[in-house]
Amino acid sequence: MLYSIFKFGAFLAVKIYCKKTIVNFDKNTSFSNPKLIACNHPNSFFDAILIAVHYPKPIYFLARGDAFNKPLVAKLLNAINLIPIYRLSEGKENLTKNDATFKKCIELLSKNKTILIFSEGICVNEWNLRPLKKGTARLSLMAFENQIANLKIQPTNINYSSFKKNPKVAEINFNAEFIPTKPNSGEEAKFYNEFNQELKDGMLSRMLDKEGIQKLKKSTSPSKKAILFLPACIGYLLNYGIYIFFKKKVTKKTKNTVFYDSVLFGLLLICYPIIVTIIAIIVLLLFNFPAALVTFLLFPITAWCYKELK
């Protein structure tokens, strides 16, 4: 239930936050098999949000383990389908917790669920594919060991026009799936190498560099600009103060990290509806319900118009 609410809210927010989102599915993409969506990881948890918003089935996510340190936060993250995965950088003592994580993943795959895994194992704001870790291959091998024979791997890439500027263009390519070949006993190392090579080839398919995705931008037609100009100006006046307040805070807090885009989007996703609701309530108390309703709708609609014009 919470996942569906979060997905719907994020879907609406992405419509304002991104200039355009292009989603390409391979024509033979399946949605009934157990599946690992194996993706690159250039933009922190905003990658997972964009993929979840545009994938028709619920997705489970492997997320960095230190985000689950606080019990209340962990409960919330679990409710929106996040599963902790621990890296050596988060403490050697935590690595044993990954056994429970992989067990949970196998249980989900046995029920034909879909899991998103970032196969590079690290997030870096850049436009190329980093060396792949063994996590995706290891999970696939565990699926074989647990008699999950119909597991499909879908190499996926996500590309952005910018990691700092908004609104941005994003493209997601869900590329051709493959079914890994079960290794013979004692050939696990060979399996890992061959699996990662096939996965790498699939992830690089249709992957764009910065120059390539810039070409996806289309200028707004003169007639559309004329129609949008007035509501866009209103949107700028209404929303600029809210946006620039959070932008400055996030820029300061996330300096020299990869979290700027994700934290800014997350804060706006949570705080923007609250702020607009409070403003609408004030209008209701001062005037009437129709005025409050118009106010409540005017903020996001004119923000969208400004985004389209910009």
Protein backbone atom coordinates (compact mmCIF):
# COMPACT_ATOMS: atom_id res chain seq x y z
CA MET A 1 0.00 0.00 0.00
CA LEU A 2 2.71 2.49 1.01
CA TYR A 3 4.74 1.53 -2.07
CA SER A 4 1.79 2.38 -4.36
CA ILE A 5 1.26 5.74 -2.64
CA PHE A 6 4.97 6.54 -2.87
CA LYS A 7 5.10 5.53 -6.54
CA PHE A 8 2.11 7.71 -7.44
CA GLY A 9 3.52 10.72 -5.60
CA ALA A 10 6.94 10.24 -7.18
CA PHE A 11 5.34 9.89 -10.63
CA LEU A 12 3.68 13.31 -10.28
CA ALA A 13 6.86 14.88 -8.87
CA VAL A 14 9.00 13.54 -11.73
CA LYS A 15 6.65 15.25 -14.19
CA ILE A 16 7.76 18.59 -12.74
CA TYR A 17 11.34 17.76 -11.79
CA CYS A 18 12.35 16.32 -15.18
CA LYS A 19 11.99 18.09 -18.50
CA LYS A 20 11.47 14.76 -20.20
CA THR A 21 11.84 11.09 -19.31
CA ILE A 22 12.32 8.63 -22.16
CA VAL A 23 11.70 4.97 -21.40
CA ASN A 24 12.58 2.19 -23.85
CA PHE A 25 11.60 -1.43 -23.22
CA ASP A 26 13.03 -4.27 -25.30
CA LYS A 27 10.12 -5.73 -27.27
CA ASN A 28 10.55 -9.15 -25.62
CA THR A 29 10.56 -7.85 -22.04
CA SER A 30 8.75 -10.25 -19.73
CA PHE A 31 6.84 -9.35 -16.58
CA SER A 32 5.82 -12.76 -15.24
CA ASN A 33 9.23 -14.36 -14.58
CA PRO A 34 11.43 -13.81 -11.56
CA LYS A 35 13.78 -11.07 -12.66
CA LEU A 36 16.88 -9.11 -11.76
CA ILE A 37 16.98 -5.64 -13.29
CA ALA A 38 20.73 -4.95 -13.39
CA CYS A 39 21.40 -1.25 -13.83
CA ASN A 40 24.23 1.28 -13.75
CA HIS A 41 24.20 3.72 -10.83
CA PRO A 42 25.09 7.33 -11.71
CA ASN A 43 22.67 9.31 -9.50
CA SER A 44 22.17 7.78 -6.05
CA PHE A 45 18.63 6.75 -5.05
CA PHE A 46 17.06 8.95 -7.73
CA ASP A 47 18.00 6.11 -10.12
CA ALA A 48 15.78 3.71 -8.19
CA ILE A 49 12.92 6.21 -8.01
CA LEU A 50 12.91 6.81 -11.78
CA ILE A 51 13.02 3.09 -12.56
CA ALA A 52 10.26 2.28 -10.07
CA VAL A 53 8.03 5.05 -11.45
CA HIS A 54 8.32 3.77 -15.01
CA TYR A 55 8.27 0.00 -14.42
CA PRO A 56 4.75 -1.49 -14.53
CA LYS A 57 5.28 -4.00 -11.70
CA PRO A 58 6.33 -3.41 -8.07
CA ILE A 59 10.10 -3.60 -7.67
CA TYR A 60 12.26 -4.53 -4.69
CA PHE A 61 15.50 -2.59 -4.28
CA LEU A 62 18.88 -3.43 -2.84
CA ALA A 63 20.00 -0.28 -0.98
CA ARG A 64 23.09 0.65 1.02
CA GLY A 65 22.90 -0.85 4.49
CA ASP A 66 23.82 2.22 6.54
CA ALA A 67 20.47 3.80 5.60
CA PHE A 68 18.81 1.18 7.80
CA ASN A 69 20.67 2.03 11.01
CA LYS A 70 17.67 3.67 12.71
CA PRO A 71 14.79 1.24 13.46
CA LEU A 72 12.01 3.64 12.47
CA VAL A 73 13.73 4.55 9.20
CA ALA A 74 14.41 0.86 8.51
CA LYS A 75 10.72 0.07 8.99
CA LEU A 76 9.74 2.79 6.52
CA LEU A 77 12.32 1.67 3.95
CA ASN A 78 11.16 -1.94 4.22
CA ALA A 79 7.57 -0.77 3.63
CA ILE A 80 8.56 0.70 0.25
CA ASN A 81 10.39 -2.50 -0.77
CA LEU A 82 13.98 -1.59 0.10
CA ILE A 83 16.35 -4.34 1.25
CA PRO A 84 19.71 -3.53 2.90
CA ILE A 85 22.96 -4.64 1.29
CA TYR A 86 26.18 -4.02 3.21
CA ARG A 87 29.56 -3.13 1.74
CA LEU A 88 32.98 -3.40 3.30
CA SER A 89 33.08 0.41 3.62
CA GLU A 90 30.09 0.21 5.98
CA GLY A 91 31.97 -2.02 8.41
CA LYS A 92 33.36 -5.53 8.09
CA GLU A 93 31.19 -6.63 11.00
CA ASN A 94 28.06 -5.91 8.93
CA LEU A 95 28.97 -8.16 6.00
CA THR A 96 27.44 -11.22 7.65
CA LYS A 97 24.05 -9.46 7.50
CA ASN A 98 24.15 -9.91 3.73
CA ASP A 99 23.35 -13.59 4.23
CA ALA A 100 19.86 -12.56 5.38
CA THR A 101 19.63 -10.14 2.47
CA PHE A 102 20.41 -12.80 -0.13
CA LYS A 103 18.00 -15.21 1.57
CA LYS A 104 15.27 -12.57 1.32
CA CYS A 105 16.08 -12.05 -2.37
CA ILE A 106 15.79 -15.78 -3.08
CA GLU A 107 12.41 -15.87 -1.34
CA LEU A 108 11.20 -13.00 -3.52
CA LEU A 109 12.51 -14.53 -6.74
CA SER A 110 10.84 -17.84 -5.89
CA LYS A 111 7.57 -15.85 -5.90
CA ASN A 112 8.30 -14.37 -9.36
CA LYS A 113 9.15 -10.93 -7.98
CA THR A 114 11.43 -8.33 -9.59
CA ILE A 115 14.58 -7.03 -7.85
CA LEU A 116 16.60 -3.99 -8.90
CA ILE A 117 20.33 -4.28 -8.31
CA PHE A 118 23.00 -1.72 -9.17
CA SER A 119 25.70 -3.97 -10.55
CA GLU A 120 28.56 -1.47 -10.36
CA GLY A 121 28.27 -1.61 -6.58
CA ILE A 122 29.02 2.11 -6.25
CA CYS A 123 27.44 5.38 -7.31
CA VAL A 124 29.44 7.97 -9.25
CA ASN A 125 28.04 10.98 -11.15
CA GLU A 126 29.40 10.12 -14.59
CA TRP A 127 28.31 9.06 -18.08
CA ASN A 128 30.11 5.74 -18.48
CA LEU A 129 29.81 2.22 -17.12
CA ARG A 130 32.11 1.30 -14.24
CA PRO A 131 33.53 -2.23 -13.66
CA LEU A 132 30.82 -4.62 -12.51
CA LYS A 133 30.93 -6.30 -9.11
CA LYS A 134 30.03 -9.95 -8.55
CA GLY A 135 26.80 -9.33 -6.61
CA THR A 136 24.43 -9.82 -9.54
CA ALA A 137 26.21 -12.99 -10.67
CA ARG A 138 26.31 -14.31 -7.11
CA LEU A 139 22.56 -13.80 -6.69
CA SER A 140 21.95 -15.56 -10.01
CA LEU A 141 24.09 -18.50 -8.90
CA MET A 142 22.16 -18.70 -5.64
CA ALA A 143 18.94 -18.81 -7.66
CA PHE A 144 20.26 -21.89 -9.49
CA GLU A 145 21.18 -23.49 -6.17
CA ASN A 146 17.60 -22.93 -4.98
CA GLN A 147 16.00 -24.42 -8.09
CA ILE A 148 14.85 -21.11 -9.56
CA ALA A 149 15.47 -22.11 -13.15
CA ASN A 150 13.49 -19.43 -15.00
CA LEU A 151 15.31 -16.37 -13.64
CA LYS A 152 15.77 -13.59 -16.20
CA ILE A 153 18.39 -10.87 -16.12
CA GLN A 154 17.50 -7.55 -17.73
CA PRO A 155 20.54 -5.32 -18.36
CA THR A 156 19.40 -1.72 -17.95
CA ASN A 157 20.99 1.68 -18.19
CA ILE A 158 19.87 5.10 -17.04
CA ASN A 159 21.25 8.34 -18.46
CA TYR A 160 20.90 12.00 -17.43
CA SER A 161 21.53 15.29 -19.21
CA SER A 162 22.83 16.71 -15.91
CA PHE A 163 23.33 15.75 -12.27
CA LYS A 164 23.03 19.32 -10.96
CA LYS A 165 20.71 21.28 -13.26
CA ASN A 166 16.92 21.13 -13.42
CA PRO A 167 14.73 20.40 -15.21
CA LYS A 168 16.75 17.55 -16.71
CA VAL A 169 16.29 14.93 -19.42
CA ALA A 170 16.53 11.29 -18.36
CA GLU A 171 16.50 8.13 -20.47
CA ILE A 172 16.00 4.57 -19.22
CA ASN A 173 16.72 1.59 -21.47
CA PHE A 174 15.40 -1.79 -20.36
CA ASN A 175 17.49 -3.88 -22.76
CA ALA A 176 17.22 -7.48 -24.00
CA GLU A 177 16.95 -10.03 -21.21
CA PHE A 178 19.07 -13.16 -20.91
CA ILE A 179 18.84 -16.36 -18.93
CA PRO A 180 22.20 -17.28 -17.35
CA THR A 181 23.61 -20.73 -18.02
CA LYS A 182 23.89 -22.96 -14.98
CA PRO A 183 27.59 -23.66 -14.27
CA ASN A 184 29.04 -27.10 -13.79
CA SER A 185 30.43 -27.97 -10.39
CA GLY A 186 33.76 -26.26 -9.78
CA GLU A 187 33.29 -23.72 -12.58
CA GLU A 188 31.91 -20.86 -10.48
CA ALA A 189 34.80 -18.51 -11.35
CA LYS A 190 34.19 -19.08 -15.07
CA PHE A 191 30.47 -18.48 -14.50
CA TYR A 192 31.16 -15.12 -12.83
CA ASN A 193 33.39 -13.95 -15.67
CA GLU A 194 31.06 -15.01 -18.46
CA PHE A 195 28.00 -13.69 -16.65
CA ASN A 196 29.54 -10.26 -16.07
CA GLN A 197 30.71 -10.03 -19.68
CA GLU A 198 27.20 -10.77 -20.98
CA LEU A 199 25.73 -8.37 -18.46
CA LYS A 200 28.22 -5.63 -19.40
CA ASP A 201 27.44 -6.02 -23.11
CA GLY A 202 23.73 -5.76 -22.37
CA MET A 203 24.09 -2.72 -20.11
CA LEU A 204 26.14 -0.85 -22.72
CA SER A 205 23.41 -1.30 -25.33
CA ARG A 206 21.92 2.13 -26.18
CA MET A 207 23.86 3.70 -23.32
CA LEU A 208 24.43 7.40 -24.04
CA ASP A 209 27.25 9.69 -23.07
CA LYS A 210 26.63 13.30 -22.01
CA GLU A 211 26.74 14.57 -25.58
CA GLY A 212 24.36 11.87 -26.75
CA ILE A 213 21.65 12.65 -24.25
CA GLN A 214 21.94 16.38 -24.89
CA LYS A 215 20.74 15.64 -28.42
CA LEU A 216 17.49 14.26 -26.99
CA LYS A 217 16.45 17.74 -25.86
CA LYS A 218 13.86 19.37 -28.08
CA SER A 219 13.15 23.08 -28.18
CA THR A 220 9.62 24.21 -27.34
CA SER A 221 7.62 25.35 -30.37
CA PRO A 222 6.78 29.08 -30.63
CA SER A 223 3.03 28.39 -30.34
CA LYS A 224 3.51 26.32 -27.20
CA LYS A 225 5.78 29.01 -25.73
CA ALA A 226 3.06 31.59 -26.31
CA ILE A 227 0.46 29.44 -24.56
CA LEU A 228 2.72 28.62 -21.62
CA PHE A 229 4.28 32.05 -21.10
CA LEU A 230 1.75 33.56 -18.68
CA PRO A 231 1.17 30.46 -16.49
CA ALA A 232 4.93 29.83 -16.53
CA CYS A 233 5.56 33.34 -15.19
CA ILE A 234 3.01 32.72 -12.44
CA GLY A 235 4.66 29.38 -11.72
CA TYR A 236 8.05 31.04 -11.40
CA LEU A 237 6.74 33.64 -8.95
CA LEU A 238 4.87 31.08 -6.85
CA ASN A 239 7.48 28.34 -6.71
CA TYR A 240 10.87 30.02 -6.98
CA GLY A 241 11.16 30.78 -3.27
CA ILE A 242 10.34 27.19 -2.26
CA TYR A 243 12.72 25.68 -4.81
CA ILE A 244 15.66 27.99 -4.14
CA PHE A 245 15.33 27.50 -0.35
CA PHE A 246 15.73 23.73 -0.64
CA LYS A 247 18.31 24.02 -3.42
CA LYS A 248 20.62 26.14 -1.27
CA LYS A 249 20.22 23.86 1.75
CA VAL A 250 20.87 20.71 -0.26
CA THR A 251 23.82 22.20 -2.16
CA LYS A 252 25.51 22.98 1.16
CA LYS A 253 24.72 19.65 2.81
CA THR A 254 25.66 17.43 -0.14
CA LYS A 255 28.79 19.25 -1.30
CA ASN A 256 31.38 16.82 -2.76
CA THR A 257 28.93 13.90 -2.66
CA VAL A 258 26.71 12.14 -5.21
CA PHE A 259 23.50 12.82 -3.27
CA TYR A 260 22.55 16.32 -4.45
CA ASP A 261 19.91 15.33 -7.00
CA SER A 262 18.40 12.57 -4.88
CA VAL A 263 18.19 14.60 -1.67
CA LEU A 264 16.74 17.64 -3.45
CA PHE A 265 14.10 15.52 -5.18
CA GLY A 266 13.30 13.64 -1.96
CA LEU A 267 12.86 16.81 0.09
CA LEU A 268 10.67 18.42 -2.55
CA LEU A 269 8.62 15.23 -2.88
CA ILE A 270 7.87 15.26 0.86
CA CYS A 271 7.85 18.96 1.72
CA TYR A 272 6.33 20.61 -1.35
CA PRO A 273 2.82 19.11 -0.91
CA ILE A 274 2.91 20.04 2.78
CA ILE A 275 3.90 23.64 2.06
CA VAL A 276 1.28 24.04 -0.66
CA THR A 277 -1.38 22.50 1.60
CA ILE A 278 -0.52 24.94 4.41
CA ILE A 279 -0.76 27.88 2.00
CA ALA A 280 -4.13 26.58 0.74
CA ILE A 281 -5.42 26.27 4.32
CA ILE A 282 -4.41 29.88 5.02
CA VAL A 283 -6.31 30.98 1.89
CA LEU A 284 -9.30 28.93 3.07
CA LEU A 285 -9.30 30.67 6.45
CA LEU A 286 -8.98 34.09 4.86
CA PHE A 287 -11.36 33.63 1.93
CA ASN A 288 -13.30 30.48 0.93
CA PHE A 289 -12.97 26.89 -0.25
CA PRO A 290 -12.96 27.60 -4.04
CA ALA A 291 -10.09 30.06 -3.57
CA ALA A 292 -8.19 27.50 -1.48
CA LEU A 293 -8.72 24.77 -4.07
CA VAL A 294 -7.53 27.04 -6.89
CA THR A 295 -4.45 27.92 -4.83
CA PHE A 296 -3.70 24.26 -4.12
CA LEU A 297 -3.87 23.36 -7.81
CA LEU A 298 -2.21 26.53 -9.10
CA PHE A 299 1.19 25.82 -7.52
CA PRO A 300 1.98 22.46 -9.19
CA ILE A 301 0.20 23.19 -12.47
CA THR A 302 2.06 26.46 -13.06
CA ALA A 303 5.31 24.81 -11.91
CA TRP A 304 4.79 22.24 -14.66
CA CYS A 305 4.17 25.05 -17.17
CA TYR A 306 7.41 26.75 -16.15
CA LYS A 307 9.29 23.47 -16.54
CA GLU A 308 7.84 22.96 -20.02
CA LEU A 309 8.73 26.49 -21.09
CA LYS A 310 12.26 26.34 -19.67
